[in-house]
Amino acid sequence: QRHLPPQTWTNSINQANKMALLAWAKETGIDLVQINGQRRYGGPPPGWVGDPPPVGTEVFIGKLPQDMYENALIPLFQSVGKLYEFRLMMTFSGLNRGFAYAKYSNRRGAKEAIAAFNNFEVREGCAIVVCKSTEKCELSVDGLATSVSRQELEAMLRQVTEGVLSITMYASPCQKRAQLAVLKYSSHQAAAMAKKTLMEGNMRLGGVEMRVDWLNPDLKQKLQSCMEKPSSSRVQGSKCLEVPKQAPLSPVLHNALDQLNTLCQRQYLGTPLFLTKCIQANPNGWLRFWCRVVIPGCPVPFSGFTWVRQDGPGRSGHEEAKVAVALQVLRMLGES
């Protein structure tokens, strides 16, 4: 069986609509920038003067046809108000992921968009969902080793994410001898990008896998009602009120390489080939790797970047990077 080269295969998907998008962008002069899985217009748009719009001006757009692009969506959503920013979530193949965010210059524009386009058929039989964006700004990071200080966590976060405003440490309510950190970011977009980076990077501190998620309101309330307030630097044995148990960490986190090899054998895809290259080494021990996984039965290789830390003299940074990228491939394949 002959496979197309990855770039040829990717470009061949939805080619007509991609060409229409390029022609529209050239005709209108609109600049679209793609960064980390999302393509963005504006933020701010040309000619914008002043501060960004306040909270409550962004809408979530769901159930989009995956072959629909900004040349159809931006004019539609601009018809009810001035757009400050439009973000379309993208797959590696160039299709959209079925959802987007539109931020208006004022709250009235967002309300008009919801009223006009919720359940609106962008094509026959394709009704979209438009609702107020939650604009969450806080993440929870569970599973931190008790030896990790707030300063150490902050140093790592400032290297790999942007816009972190505050970090508060608690004893983990879900794991023994572990900490939970609440991270507050400057905006929903900054928090979303940080969540994506931390999850895809399979980040570790002190040799322990971190569990990253949006901060649950119930968990937030429980943490705030702790009998002993968290310290500003390090938590040592402080106790919280009981919190409903969260799902335990998946065993995939511990044997991702074996899990991926088994999956490929079961699906007759061939043995995965890992390519890793260290492109940055920081004085505190963090290493940034470029990684690629080539699976013979898949037409496109999996590529990306990850941060890892060598936790001992006998552990290879390349091996840590392989585990990190194997876990990410499993997530993309829906196996973790």
C-alpha atoms as a PDB file:
ATOM      1  CA  GLN A   1       0.000   0.000   0.000  1.00  0.00           C
ATOM      2  CA  ARG A   2       1.419   3.387  -1.032  1.00  0.00           C
ATOM      3  CA  HIS A   3       0.971   6.352   1.288  1.00  0.00           C
ATOM      4  CA  LEU A   4       1.013   9.960   0.129  1.00  0.00           C
ATOM      5  CA  PRO A   5       3.746  12.181   1.612  1.00  0.00           C
ATOM      6  CA  PRO A   6       2.370  13.865   4.775  1.00  0.00           C
ATOM      7  CA  GLN A   7       2.237  17.389   3.325  1.00  0.00           C
ATOM      8  CA  THR A   8       0.574  16.185   0.104  1.00  0.00           C
ATOM      9  CA  TRP A   9      -1.992  14.189   2.082  1.00  0.00           C
ATOM     10  CA  THR A  10      -2.763  17.156   4.361  1.00  0.00           C
ATOM     11  CA  ASN A  11      -3.063  19.671   1.515  1.00  0.00           C
ATOM     12  CA  SER A  12      -5.438  17.410  -0.412  1.00  0.00           C
ATOM     13  CA  ILE A  13      -8.083  17.580   2.346  1.00  0.00           C
ATOM     14  CA  ASN A  14     -10.836  20.146   1.702  1.00  0.00           C
ATOM     15  CA  GLN A  15      -8.684  21.777  -0.975  1.00  0.00           C
ATOM     16  CA  ALA A  16     -11.461  23.832  -2.618  1.00  0.00           C
ATOM     17  CA  ASN A  17     -12.474  25.555   0.633  1.00  0.00           C
ATOM     18  CA  LYS A  18      -8.839  26.188   1.573  1.00  0.00           C
ATOM     19  CA  MET A  19      -8.280  27.919  -1.769  1.00  0.00           C
ATOM     20  CA  ALA A  20     -11.456  29.974  -1.276  1.00  0.00           C
ATOM     21  CA  LEU A  21     -10.177  31.050   2.159  1.00  0.00           C
ATOM     22  CA  LEU A  22      -6.822  32.162   0.715  1.00  0.00           C
ATOM     23  CA  ALA A  23      -8.555  34.128  -2.045  1.00  0.00           C
ATOM     24  CA  TRP A  24     -10.872  35.814   0.473  1.00  0.00           C
ATOM     25  CA  ALA A  25      -7.976  36.732   2.801  1.00  0.00           C
ATOM     26  CA  LYS A  26      -6.038  38.219  -0.110  1.00  0.00           C
ATOM     27  CA  GLU A  27      -9.060  40.184  -1.359  1.00  0.00           C
ATOM     28  CA  THR A  28     -10.018  41.600   2.049  1.00  0.00           C
ATOM     29  CA  GLY A  29      -6.483  42.039   3.418  1.00  0.00           C
ATOM     30  CA  ILE A  30      -7.480  40.175   6.582  1.00  0.00           C
ATOM     31  CA  ASP A  31      -4.516  38.650   8.416  1.00  0.00           C
ATOM     32  CA  LEU A  32      -5.027  35.191   9.944  1.00  0.00           C
ATOM     33  CA  VAL A  33      -2.359  33.865  12.311  1.00  0.00           C
ATOM     34  CA  GLN A  34      -2.232  30.205  13.387  1.00  0.00           C
ATOM     35  CA  ILE A  35      -0.564  29.397  16.711  1.00  0.00           C
ATOM     36  CA  ASN A  36      -0.779  26.146  18.700  1.00  0.00           C
ATOM     37  CA  GLY A  37      -3.870  24.681  17.118  1.00  0.00           C
ATOM     38  CA  GLN A  38      -5.939  27.825  16.720  1.00  0.00           C
ATOM     39  CA  ARG A  39      -6.183  30.350  13.896  1.00  0.00           C
ATOM     40  CA  ARG A  40      -6.835  33.924  14.978  1.00  0.00           C
ATOM     41  CA  TYR A  41      -8.061  37.143  13.456  1.00  0.00           C
ATOM     42  CA  GLY A  42      -7.672  40.406  15.380  1.00  0.00           C
ATOM     43  CA  GLY A  43      -7.026  40.595  19.082  1.00  0.00           C
ATOM     44  CA  PRO A  44      -6.809  43.543  18.409  1.00  0.00           C
ATOM     45  CA  PRO A  45      -8.135  44.114  14.866  1.00  0.00           C
ATOM     46  CA  PRO A  46      -6.604  46.780  12.588  1.00  0.00           C
ATOM     47  CA  GLY A  47      -7.345  50.319  13.759  1.00  0.00           C
ATOM     48  CA  TRP A  48      -8.311  49.324  17.299  1.00  0.00           C
ATOM     49  CA  VAL A  49      -7.539  51.975  19.917  1.00  0.00           C
ATOM     50  CA  GLY A  50      -7.763  51.457  23.660  1.00  0.00           C
ATOM     51  CA  ASP A  51      -8.065  48.513  26.031  1.00  0.00           C
ATOM     52  CA  PRO A  52      -9.456  45.087  25.081  1.00  0.00           C
ATOM     53  CA  PRO A  53     -13.224  44.575  25.524  1.00  0.00           C
ATOM     54  CA  PRO A  54     -14.472  43.662  29.014  1.00  0.00           C
ATOM     55  CA  VAL A  55     -15.603  40.228  30.249  1.00  0.00           C
ATOM     56  CA  GLY A  56     -18.917  39.153  28.736  1.00  0.00           C
ATOM     57  CA  THR A  57     -18.099  40.127  25.145  1.00  0.00           C
ATOM     58  CA  GLU A  58     -17.054  36.666  23.896  1.00  0.00           C
ATOM     59  CA  VAL A  59     -19.332  33.929  22.521  1.00  0.00           C
ATOM     60  CA  PHE A  60     -18.666  30.225  22.004  1.00  0.00           C
ATOM     61  CA  ILE A  61     -19.609  28.791  18.595  1.00  0.00           C
ATOM     62  CA  GLY A  62     -20.112  25.022  18.406  1.00  0.00           C
ATOM     63  CA  LYS A  63     -21.240  22.297  15.978  1.00  0.00           C
ATOM     64  CA  LEU A  64     -19.498  23.946  13.044  1.00  0.00           C
ATOM     65  CA  PRO A  65     -19.032  21.928   9.837  1.00  0.00           C
ATOM     66  CA  GLN A  66     -15.345  21.005   9.892  1.00  0.00           C
ATOM     67  CA  ASP A  67     -14.750  22.173   6.321  1.00  0.00           C
ATOM     68  CA  MET A  68     -16.029  25.715   6.997  1.00  0.00           C
ATOM     69  CA  TYR A  69     -13.528  28.544   7.411  1.00  0.00           C
ATOM     70  CA  GLU A  70     -13.237  32.232   8.292  1.00  0.00           C
ATOM     71  CA  ASN A  71     -14.253  33.420   4.818  1.00  0.00           C
ATOM     72  CA  ALA A  72     -17.795  32.254   5.684  1.00  0.00           C
ATOM     73  CA  LEU A  73     -17.749  32.713   9.464  1.00  0.00           C
ATOM     74  CA  ILE A  74     -16.192  36.165   9.993  1.00  0.00           C
ATOM     75  CA  PRO A  75     -18.596  38.025   7.648  1.00  0.00           C
ATOM     76  CA  LEU A  76     -21.524  36.187   9.260  1.00  0.00           C
ATOM     77  CA  PHE A  77     -20.580  37.119  12.829  1.00  0.00           C
ATOM     78  CA  GLN A  78     -19.506  40.629  11.867  1.00  0.00           C
ATOM     79  CA  SER A  79     -23.010  41.264  10.511  1.00  0.00           C
ATOM     80  CA  VAL A  80     -24.356  41.778  14.059  1.00  0.00           C
ATOM     81  CA  GLY A  81     -21.473  43.740  15.639  1.00  0.00           C
ATOM     82  CA  LYS A  82     -17.819  44.761  15.429  1.00  0.00           C
ATOM     83  CA  LEU A  83     -15.460  41.852  16.057  1.00  0.00           C
ATOM     84  CA  TYR A  84     -12.439  42.379  18.283  1.00  0.00           C
ATOM     85  CA  GLU A  85     -11.167  38.820  17.761  1.00  0.00           C
ATOM     86  CA  PHE A  86     -12.180  35.571  16.077  1.00  0.00           C
ATOM     87  CA  ARG A  87     -10.475  32.243  16.951  1.00  0.00           C
ATOM     88  CA  LEU A  88     -11.084  29.041  14.995  1.00  0.00           C
ATOM     89  CA  MET A  89      -9.755  25.803  16.528  1.00  0.00           C
ATOM     90  CA  MET A  90      -7.854  23.722  13.934  1.00  0.00           C
ATOM     91  CA  THR A  91      -6.707  20.113  13.417  1.00  0.00           C
ATOM     92  CA  PHE A  92      -3.320  19.132  11.991  1.00  0.00           C
ATOM     93  CA  SER A  93      -5.004  18.251   8.655  1.00  0.00           C
ATOM     94  CA  GLY A  94      -6.352  21.783   8.140  1.00  0.00           C
ATOM     95  CA  LEU A  95      -9.977  21.024   9.036  1.00  0.00           C
ATOM     96  CA  ASN A  96     -11.482  22.967  11.914  1.00  0.00           C
ATOM     97  CA  ARG A  97     -12.271  21.163  15.169  1.00  0.00           C
ATOM     98  CA  GLY A  98     -15.935  22.100  15.103  1.00  0.00           C
ATOM     99  CA  PHE A  99     -15.818  25.132  17.376  1.00  0.00           C
ATOM    100  CA  ALA A 100     -14.652  28.736  17.536  1.00  0.00           C
ATOM    101  CA  TYR A 101     -14.783  31.872  19.712  1.00  0.00           C
ATOM    102  CA  ALA A 102     -15.892  35.356  18.636  1.00  0.00           C
ATOM    103  CA  LYS A 103     -15.110  38.354  20.865  1.00  0.00           C
ATOM    104  CA  TYR A 104     -17.040  41.557  20.175  1.00  0.00           C
ATOM    105  CA  SER A 105     -16.131  45.162  20.911  1.00  0.00           C
ATOM    106  CA  ASN A 106     -18.974  45.367  23.455  1.00  0.00           C
ATOM    107  CA  ARG A 107     -21.465  43.131  25.292  1.00  0.00           C
ATOM    108  CA  ARG A 108     -24.314  44.157  23.006  1.00  0.00           C
ATOM    109  CA  GLY A 109     -22.557  42.542  20.041  1.00  0.00           C
ATOM    110  CA  ALA A 110     -22.222  39.258  21.948  1.00  0.00           C
ATOM    111  CA  LYS A 111     -25.922  39.304  22.911  1.00  0.00           C
ATOM    112  CA  GLU A 112     -26.929  40.039  19.312  1.00  0.00           C
ATOM    113  CA  ALA A 113     -24.813  37.125  18.073  1.00  0.00           C
ATOM    114  CA  ILE A 114     -26.442  34.693  20.506  1.00  0.00           C
ATOM    115  CA  ALA A 115     -29.936  35.909  19.593  1.00  0.00           C
ATOM    116  CA  ALA A 116     -29.280  35.760  15.848  1.00  0.00           C
ATOM    117  CA  PHE A 117     -27.149  32.651  15.426  1.00  0.00           C
ATOM    118  CA  ASN A 118     -27.939  30.108  18.143  1.00  0.00           C
ATOM    119  CA  ASN A 119     -29.572  27.200  16.251  1.00  0.00           C
ATOM    120  CA  PHE A 120     -28.887  29.055  12.985  1.00  0.00           C
ATOM    121  CA  GLU A 121     -28.374  26.781   9.959  1.00  0.00           C
ATOM    122  CA  VAL A 122     -25.074  27.722   8.343  1.00  0.00           C
ATOM    123  CA  ARG A 123     -25.885  25.026   5.812  1.00  0.00           C
ATOM    124  CA  GLU A 124     -29.012  22.990   5.233  1.00  0.00           C
ATOM    125  CA  GLY A 125     -29.310  20.614   8.174  1.00  0.00           C
ATOM    126  CA  CYS A 126     -26.264  22.105   9.972  1.00  0.00           C
ATOM    127  CA  ALA A 127     -27.510  24.209  12.900  1.00  0.00           C
ATOM    128  CA  ILE A 128     -24.758  25.744  15.036  1.00  0.00           C
ATOM    129  CA  VAL A 129     -24.704  26.497  18.763  1.00  0.00           C
ATOM    130  CA  VAL A 130     -23.842  30.015  19.940  1.00  0.00           C
ATOM    131  CA  CYS A 131     -23.753  30.846  23.640  1.00  0.00           C
ATOM    132  CA  LYS A 132     -21.899  33.027  26.118  1.00  0.00           C
ATOM    133  CA  SER A 133     -18.280  31.972  26.598  1.00  0.00           C
ATOM    134  CA  THR A 134     -17.485  30.982  30.175  1.00  0.00           C
ATOM    135  CA  GLU A 135     -14.110  32.776  29.978  1.00  0.00           C
ATOM    136  CA  LYS A 136     -12.584  30.685  32.767  1.00  0.00           C
ATOM    137  CA  CYS A 137      -9.228  31.959  34.020  1.00  0.00           C
ATOM    138  CA  GLU A 138      -8.272  29.438  36.725  1.00  0.00           C
ATOM    139  CA  LEU A 139      -6.651  25.999  36.474  1.00  0.00           C
ATOM    140  CA  SER A 140      -6.069  23.293  39.056  1.00  0.00           C
ATOM    141  CA  VAL A 141      -2.830  21.299  38.963  1.00  0.00           C
ATOM    142  CA  ASP A 142      -3.028  18.188  41.140  1.00  0.00           C
ATOM    143  CA  GLY A 143      -0.378  15.600  41.933  1.00  0.00           C
ATOM    144  CA  LEU A 144       2.542  17.903  42.728  1.00  0.00           C
ATOM    145  CA  ALA A 145       5.199  16.404  44.969  1.00  0.00           C
ATOM    146  CA  THR A 146       5.229  17.829  48.509  1.00  0.00           C
ATOM    147  CA  SER A 147       8.835  18.918  47.927  1.00  0.00           C
ATOM    148  CA  VAL A 148       7.792  21.330  45.148  1.00  0.00           C
ATOM    149  CA  SER A 149       7.689  24.965  46.272  1.00  0.00           C
ATOM    150  CA  ARG A 150       5.499  27.724  44.883  1.00  0.00           C
ATOM    151  CA  GLN A 151       8.619  29.514  43.602  1.00  0.00           C
ATOM    152  CA  GLU A 152       9.786  26.413  41.709  1.00  0.00           C
ATOM    153  CA  LEU A 153       6.340  25.933  40.155  1.00  0.00           C
ATOM    154  CA  GLU A 154       6.162  29.615  39.212  1.00  0.00           C
ATOM    155  CA  ALA A 155       9.584  29.474  37.528  1.00  0.00           C
ATOM    156  CA  MET A 156       8.492  26.505  35.408  1.00  0.00           C
ATOM    157  CA  LEU A 157       5.144  28.088  34.470  1.00  0.00           C
ATOM    158  CA  ARG A 158       6.744  31.365  33.383  1.00  0.00           C
ATOM    159  CA  GLN A 159       9.022  29.409  31.036  1.00  0.00           C
ATOM    160  CA  VAL A 160       6.264  27.480  29.252  1.00  0.00           C
ATOM    161  CA  THR A 161       3.118  29.654  29.674  1.00  0.00           C
ATOM    162  CA  GLU A 162       2.196  33.337  29.584  1.00  0.00           C
ATOM    163  CA  GLY A 163      -0.096  35.501  31.711  1.00  0.00           C
ATOM    164  CA  VAL A 164       0.047  33.711  35.071  1.00  0.00           C
ATOM    165  CA  LEU A 165      -1.111  36.138  37.791  1.00  0.00           C
ATOM    166  CA  SER A 166      -1.095  34.079  40.979  1.00  0.00           C
ATOM    167  CA  ILE A 167      -0.340  30.596  42.338  1.00  0.00           C
ATOM    168  CA  THR A 168      -1.869  29.205  45.529  1.00  0.00           C
ATOM    169  CA  MET A 169      -0.722  25.874  46.993  1.00  0.00           C
ATOM    170  CA  TYR A 170      -2.874  23.390  48.945  1.00  0.00           C
ATOM    171  CA  ALA A 171      -2.523  19.829  50.209  1.00  0.00           C
ATOM    172  CA  SER A 172      -4.091  17.628  47.541  1.00  0.00           C
ATOM    173  CA  PRO A 173      -7.609  16.497  48.531  1.00  0.00           C
ATOM    174  CA  CYS A 174      -7.389  13.552  46.131  1.00  0.00           C
ATOM    175  CA  GLN A 175      -3.860  12.157  46.477  1.00  0.00           C
ATOM    176  CA  LYS A 176      -1.831  11.326  49.556  1.00  0.00           C
ATOM    177  CA  ARG A 177       1.515  13.063  50.009  1.00  0.00           C
ATOM    178  CA  ALA A 178       0.841  15.432  47.110  1.00  0.00           C
ATOM    179  CA  GLN A 179      -0.053  19.082  46.553  1.00  0.00           C
ATOM    180  CA  LEU A 180      -2.656  20.874  44.452  1.00  0.00           C
ATOM    181  CA  ALA A 181      -1.972  24.299  42.955  1.00  0.00           C
ATOM    182  CA  VAL A 182      -4.570  26.829  41.779  1.00  0.00           C
ATOM    183  CA  LEU A 183      -3.266  28.936  38.892  1.00  0.00           C
ATOM    184  CA  LYS A 184      -4.925  32.209  37.939  1.00  0.00           C
ATOM    185  CA  TYR A 185      -4.262  33.653  34.461  1.00  0.00           C
ATOM    186  CA  SER A 186      -4.811  37.082  32.957  1.00  0.00           C
ATOM    187  CA  SER A 187      -7.467  35.908  30.479  1.00  0.00           C
ATOM    188  CA  HIS A 188      -9.446  32.878  29.351  1.00  0.00           C
ATOM    189  CA  GLN A 189      -7.255  32.592  26.271  1.00  0.00           C
ATOM    190  CA  ALA A 190      -4.058  32.631  28.339  1.00  0.00           C
ATOM    191  CA  ALA A 191      -5.492  29.979  30.669  1.00  0.00           C
ATOM    192  CA  ALA A 192      -6.677  27.819  27.762  1.00  0.00           C
ATOM    193  CA  MET A 193      -3.266  27.979  26.089  1.00  0.00           C
ATOM    194  CA  ALA A 194      -1.561  27.148  29.397  1.00  0.00           C
ATOM    195  CA  LYS A 195      -3.876  24.159  29.910  1.00  0.00           C
ATOM    196  CA  LYS A 196      -3.109  22.900  26.395  1.00  0.00           C
ATOM    197  CA  THR A 197       0.653  23.361  26.850  1.00  0.00           C
ATOM    198  CA  LEU A 198       0.758  21.661  30.252  1.00  0.00           C
ATOM    199  CA  MET A 199      -1.408  18.728  29.149  1.00  0.00           C
ATOM    200  CA  GLU A 200       0.378  18.158  25.837  1.00  0.00           C
ATOM    201  CA  GLY A 201       3.788  18.576  27.441  1.00  0.00           C
ATOM    202  CA  ASN A 202       3.060  15.822  29.989  1.00  0.00           C
ATOM    203  CA  MET A 203       4.784  18.092  32.533  1.00  0.00           C
ATOM    204  CA  ARG A 204       6.512  16.699  35.616  1.00  0.00           C
ATOM    205  CA  LEU A 205       7.876  18.328  38.768  1.00  0.00           C
ATOM    206  CA  GLY A 206       9.705  16.258  41.334  1.00  0.00           C
ATOM    207  CA  GLY A 207       9.174  13.112  39.254  1.00  0.00           C
ATOM    208  CA  VAL A 208       5.372  13.138  39.688  1.00  0.00           C
ATOM    209  CA  GLU A 209       2.813  13.372  36.894  1.00  0.00           C
ATOM    210  CA  MET A 210       0.643  16.503  37.146  1.00  0.00           C
ATOM    211  CA  ARG A 211      -3.099  16.432  36.511  1.00  0.00           C
ATOM    212  CA  VAL A 212      -4.242  19.689  34.855  1.00  0.00           C
ATOM    213  CA  ASP A 213      -7.872  20.797  34.545  1.00  0.00           C
ATOM    214  CA  TRP A 214     -10.153  23.822  34.795  1.00  0.00           C
ATOM    215  CA  LEU A 215     -10.782  24.723  38.431  1.00  0.00           C
ATOM    216  CA  ASN A 216     -14.091  23.174  39.425  1.00  0.00           C
ATOM    217  CA  PRO A 217     -16.337  25.681  41.311  1.00  0.00           C
ATOM    218  CA  ASP A 218     -17.167  23.103  44.004  1.00  0.00           C
ATOM    219  CA  LEU A 219     -13.494  22.312  44.503  1.00  0.00           C
ATOM    220  CA  LYS A 220     -12.692  26.022  44.661  1.00  0.00           C
ATOM    221  CA  GLN A 221     -15.269  26.547  47.408  1.00  0.00           C
ATOM    222  CA  LYS A 222     -13.926  23.607  49.414  1.00  0.00           C
ATOM    223  CA  LEU A 223     -10.343  24.810  49.109  1.00  0.00           C
ATOM    224  CA  GLN A 224     -11.303  28.318  50.202  1.00  0.00           C
ATOM    225  CA  SER A 225     -12.991  26.913  53.295  1.00  0.00           C
ATOM    226  CA  CYS A 226      -9.867  25.063  54.459  1.00  0.00           C
ATOM    227  CA  MET A 227      -9.481  25.230  58.209  1.00  0.00           C
ATOM    228  CA  GLU A 228      -5.786  25.987  57.759  1.00  0.00           C
ATOM    229  CA  LYS A 229      -4.960  28.597  55.178  1.00  0.00           C
ATOM    230  CA  PRO A 230      -2.359  27.648  52.534  1.00  0.00           C
ATOM    231  CA  SER A 231       1.087  29.185  52.862  1.00  0.00           C
ATOM    232  CA  SER A 232       2.498  31.552  50.286  1.00  0.00           C
ATOM    233  CA  SER A 233       5.435  29.281  49.498  1.00  0.00           C
ATOM    234  CA  ARG A 234       5.088  25.624  50.458  1.00  0.00           C
ATOM    235  CA  VAL A 235       2.349  23.483  51.972  1.00  0.00           C
ATOM    236  CA  GLN A 236       3.454  20.857  54.476  1.00  0.00           C
ATOM    237  CA  GLY A 237       0.680  18.663  55.790  1.00  0.00           C
ATOM    238  CA  SER A 238      -2.187  21.170  55.824  1.00  0.00           C
ATOM    239  CA  LYS A 239      -5.620  19.486  55.773  1.00  0.00           C
ATOM    240  CA  CYS A 240      -8.733  20.466  53.862  1.00  0.00           C
ATOM    241  CA  LEU A 241     -12.353  19.557  54.308  1.00  0.00           C
ATOM    242  CA  GLU A 242     -13.261  16.366  52.478  1.00  0.00           C
ATOM    243  CA  VAL A 243     -13.664  16.821  48.719  1.00  0.00           C
ATOM    244  CA  PRO A 244     -15.509  14.400  46.411  1.00  0.00           C
ATOM    245  CA  LYS A 245     -13.020  11.949  44.937  1.00  0.00           C
ATOM    246  CA  GLN A 246     -11.839  12.570  41.396  1.00  0.00           C
ATOM    247  CA  ALA A 247     -11.019   9.781  38.944  1.00  0.00           C
ATOM    248  CA  PRO A 248      -7.620   8.189  39.666  1.00  0.00           C
ATOM    249  CA  LEU A 249      -4.742   8.720  37.280  1.00  0.00           C
ATOM    250  CA  SER A 250      -4.916   6.468  34.241  1.00  0.00           C
ATOM    251  CA  PRO A 251      -2.388   3.628  34.163  1.00  0.00           C
ATOM    252  CA  VAL A 252      -1.499   4.905  30.675  1.00  0.00           C
ATOM    253  CA  LEU A 253       0.530   7.616  32.416  1.00  0.00           C
ATOM    254  CA  HIS A 254       2.880   4.962  33.765  1.00  0.00           C
ATOM    255  CA  ASN A 255       3.319   2.704  30.733  1.00  0.00           C
ATOM    256  CA  ALA A 256       2.576   4.935  27.746  1.00  0.00           C
ATOM    257  CA  LEU A 257       5.306   3.404  25.551  1.00  0.00           C
ATOM    258  CA  ASP A 258       4.079  -0.160  26.131  1.00  0.00           C
ATOM    259  CA  GLN A 259       0.481   0.952  25.652  1.00  0.00           C
ATOM    260  CA  LEU A 260       1.256   2.617  22.299  1.00  0.00           C
ATOM    261  CA  ASN A 261       3.269  -0.380  21.050  1.00  0.00           C
ATOM    262  CA  THR A 262       0.444  -2.749  22.026  1.00  0.00           C
ATOM    263  CA  LEU A 263      -2.149  -0.567  20.320  1.00  0.00           C
ATOM    264  CA  CYS A 264      -0.135  -0.411  17.092  1.00  0.00           C
ATOM    265  CA  GLN A 265       0.377  -4.173  17.087  1.00  0.00           C
ATOM    266  CA  ARG A 266      -3.331  -4.783  17.728  1.00  0.00           C
ATOM    267  CA  GLN A 267      -4.303  -2.473  14.853  1.00  0.00           C
ATOM    268  CA  TYR A 268      -1.581  -3.856  12.519  1.00  0.00           C
ATOM    269  CA  LEU A 269      -0.054  -0.374  12.187  1.00  0.00           C
ATOM    270  CA  GLY A 270       3.573  -1.426  12.611  1.00  0.00           C
ATOM    271  CA  THR A 271       6.107  -0.487  15.284  1.00  0.00           C
ATOM    272  CA  PRO A 272       6.236   3.247  16.188  1.00  0.00           C
ATOM    273  CA  LEU A 273       9.523   5.008  15.437  1.00  0.00           C
ATOM    274  CA  PHE A 274      10.471   7.818  17.841  1.00  0.00           C
ATOM    275  CA  LEU A 275      12.666  10.759  16.826  1.00  0.00           C
ATOM    276  CA  THR A 276      13.699  13.140  19.615  1.00  0.00           C
ATOM    277  CA  LYS A 277      15.986  16.161  19.608  1.00  0.00           C
ATOM    278  CA  CYS A 278      16.852  18.338  22.595  1.00  0.00           C
ATOM    279  CA  ILE A 279      16.589  21.960  21.451  1.00  0.00           C
ATOM    280  CA  GLN A 280      16.834  23.811  24.765  1.00  0.00           C
ATOM    281  CA  ALA A 281      18.342  23.098  28.201  1.00  0.00           C
ATOM    282  CA  ASN A 282      17.595  25.390  31.143  1.00  0.00           C
ATOM    283  CA  PRO A 283      19.860  25.763  34.198  1.00  0.00           C
ATOM    284  CA  ASN A 284      17.150  24.398  36.528  1.00  0.00           C
ATOM    285  CA  GLY A 285      17.149  21.019  34.786  1.00  0.00           C
ATOM    286  CA  TRP A 286      14.243  21.445  32.360  1.00  0.00           C
ATOM    287  CA  LEU A 287      14.850  20.207  28.808  1.00  0.00           C
ATOM    288  CA  ARG A 288      12.776  21.105  25.747  1.00  0.00           C
ATOM    289  CA  PHE A 289      12.526  18.408  23.071  1.00  0.00           C
ATOM    290  CA  TRP A 290      11.236  18.327  19.518  1.00  0.00           C
ATOM    291  CA  CYS A 291       9.594  14.938  19.023  1.00  0.00           C
ATOM    292  CA  ARG A 292       8.176  13.006  16.090  1.00  0.00           C
ATOM    293  CA  VAL A 293       6.447   9.630  16.102  1.00  0.00           C
ATOM    294  CA  VAL A 294       6.245   7.805  12.776  1.00  0.00           C
ATOM    295  CA  ILE A 295       3.706   4.970  12.725  1.00  0.00           C
ATOM    296  CA  PRO A 296       3.981   3.010   9.444  1.00  0.00           C
ATOM    297  CA  GLY A 297       0.216   2.515   9.140  1.00  0.00           C
ATOM    298  CA  CYS A 298      -0.631   6.207   9.690  1.00  0.00           C
ATOM    299  CA  PRO A 299      -0.347   8.583   6.713  1.00  0.00           C
ATOM    300  CA  VAL A 300       0.883  11.542   8.795  1.00  0.00           C
ATOM    301  CA  PRO A 301       3.530  11.492  11.555  1.00  0.00           C
ATOM    302  CA  PHE A 302       2.799  13.003  14.959  1.00  0.00           C
ATOM    303  CA  SER A 303       5.080  15.958  15.745  1.00  0.00           C
ATOM    304  CA  GLY A 304       5.361  18.473  18.565  1.00  0.00           C
ATOM    305  CA  PHE A 305       7.369  19.921  21.433  1.00  0.00           C
ATOM    306  CA  THR A 306       7.519  18.898  25.079  1.00  0.00           C
ATOM    307  CA  TRP A 307       9.299  19.935  28.260  1.00  0.00           C
ATOM    308  CA  VAL A 308      10.758  17.209  30.503  1.00  0.00           C
ATOM    309  CA  ARG A 309      13.029  17.119  33.485  1.00  0.00           C
ATOM    310  CA  GLN A 310      15.668  14.536  34.303  1.00  0.00           C
ATOM    311  CA  ASP A 311      14.758  13.211  37.737  1.00  0.00           C
ATOM    312  CA  GLY A 312      17.909  11.234  38.381  1.00  0.00           C
ATOM    313  CA  PRO A 313      21.345  10.359  36.980  1.00  0.00           C
ATOM    314  CA  GLY A 314      20.058   7.086  35.523  1.00  0.00           C
ATOM    315  CA  ARG A 315      17.187   8.648  33.577  1.00  0.00           C
ATOM    316  CA  SER A 316      17.602   9.883  30.010  1.00  0.00           C
ATOM    317  CA  GLY A 317      15.921  13.077  28.864  1.00  0.00           C
ATOM    318  CA  HIS A 318      15.255  11.370  25.535  1.00  0.00           C
ATOM    319  CA  GLU A 319      13.452   8.509  27.298  1.00  0.00           C
ATOM    320  CA  GLU A 320      11.348  10.994  29.271  1.00  0.00           C
ATOM    321  CA  ALA A 321      10.495  12.773  26.005  1.00  0.00           C
ATOM    322  CA  LYS A 322       9.452   9.479  24.383  1.00  0.00           C
ATOM    323  CA  VAL A 323       7.086   8.749  27.258  1.00  0.00           C
ATOM    324  CA  ALA A 324       5.627  12.268  27.026  1.00  0.00           C
ATOM    325  CA  VAL A 325       5.008  12.119  23.280  1.00  0.00           C
ATOM    326  CA  ALA A 326       3.678   8.534  23.462  1.00  0.00           C
ATOM    327  CA  LEU A 327       1.079   9.684  25.977  1.00  0.00           C
ATOM    328  CA  GLN A 328       0.080  12.559  23.706  1.00  0.00           C
ATOM    329  CA  VAL A 329      -0.290  10.244  20.690  1.00  0.00           C
ATOM    330  CA  LEU A 330      -2.494   7.951  22.783  1.00  0.00           C
ATOM    331  CA  ARG A 331      -4.650  10.944  23.723  1.00  0.00           C
ATOM    332  CA  MET A 332      -4.971  11.954  20.074  1.00  0.00           C
ATOM    333  CA  LEU A 333      -5.986   8.393  19.199  1.00  0.00           C
ATOM    334  CA  GLY A 334      -8.560   8.385  21.993  1.00  0.00           C
ATOM    335  CA  GLU A 335      -6.766   5.697  24.015  1.00  0.00           C
ATOM    336  CA  SER A 336      -6.125   7.575  27.276  1.00  0.00           C
END
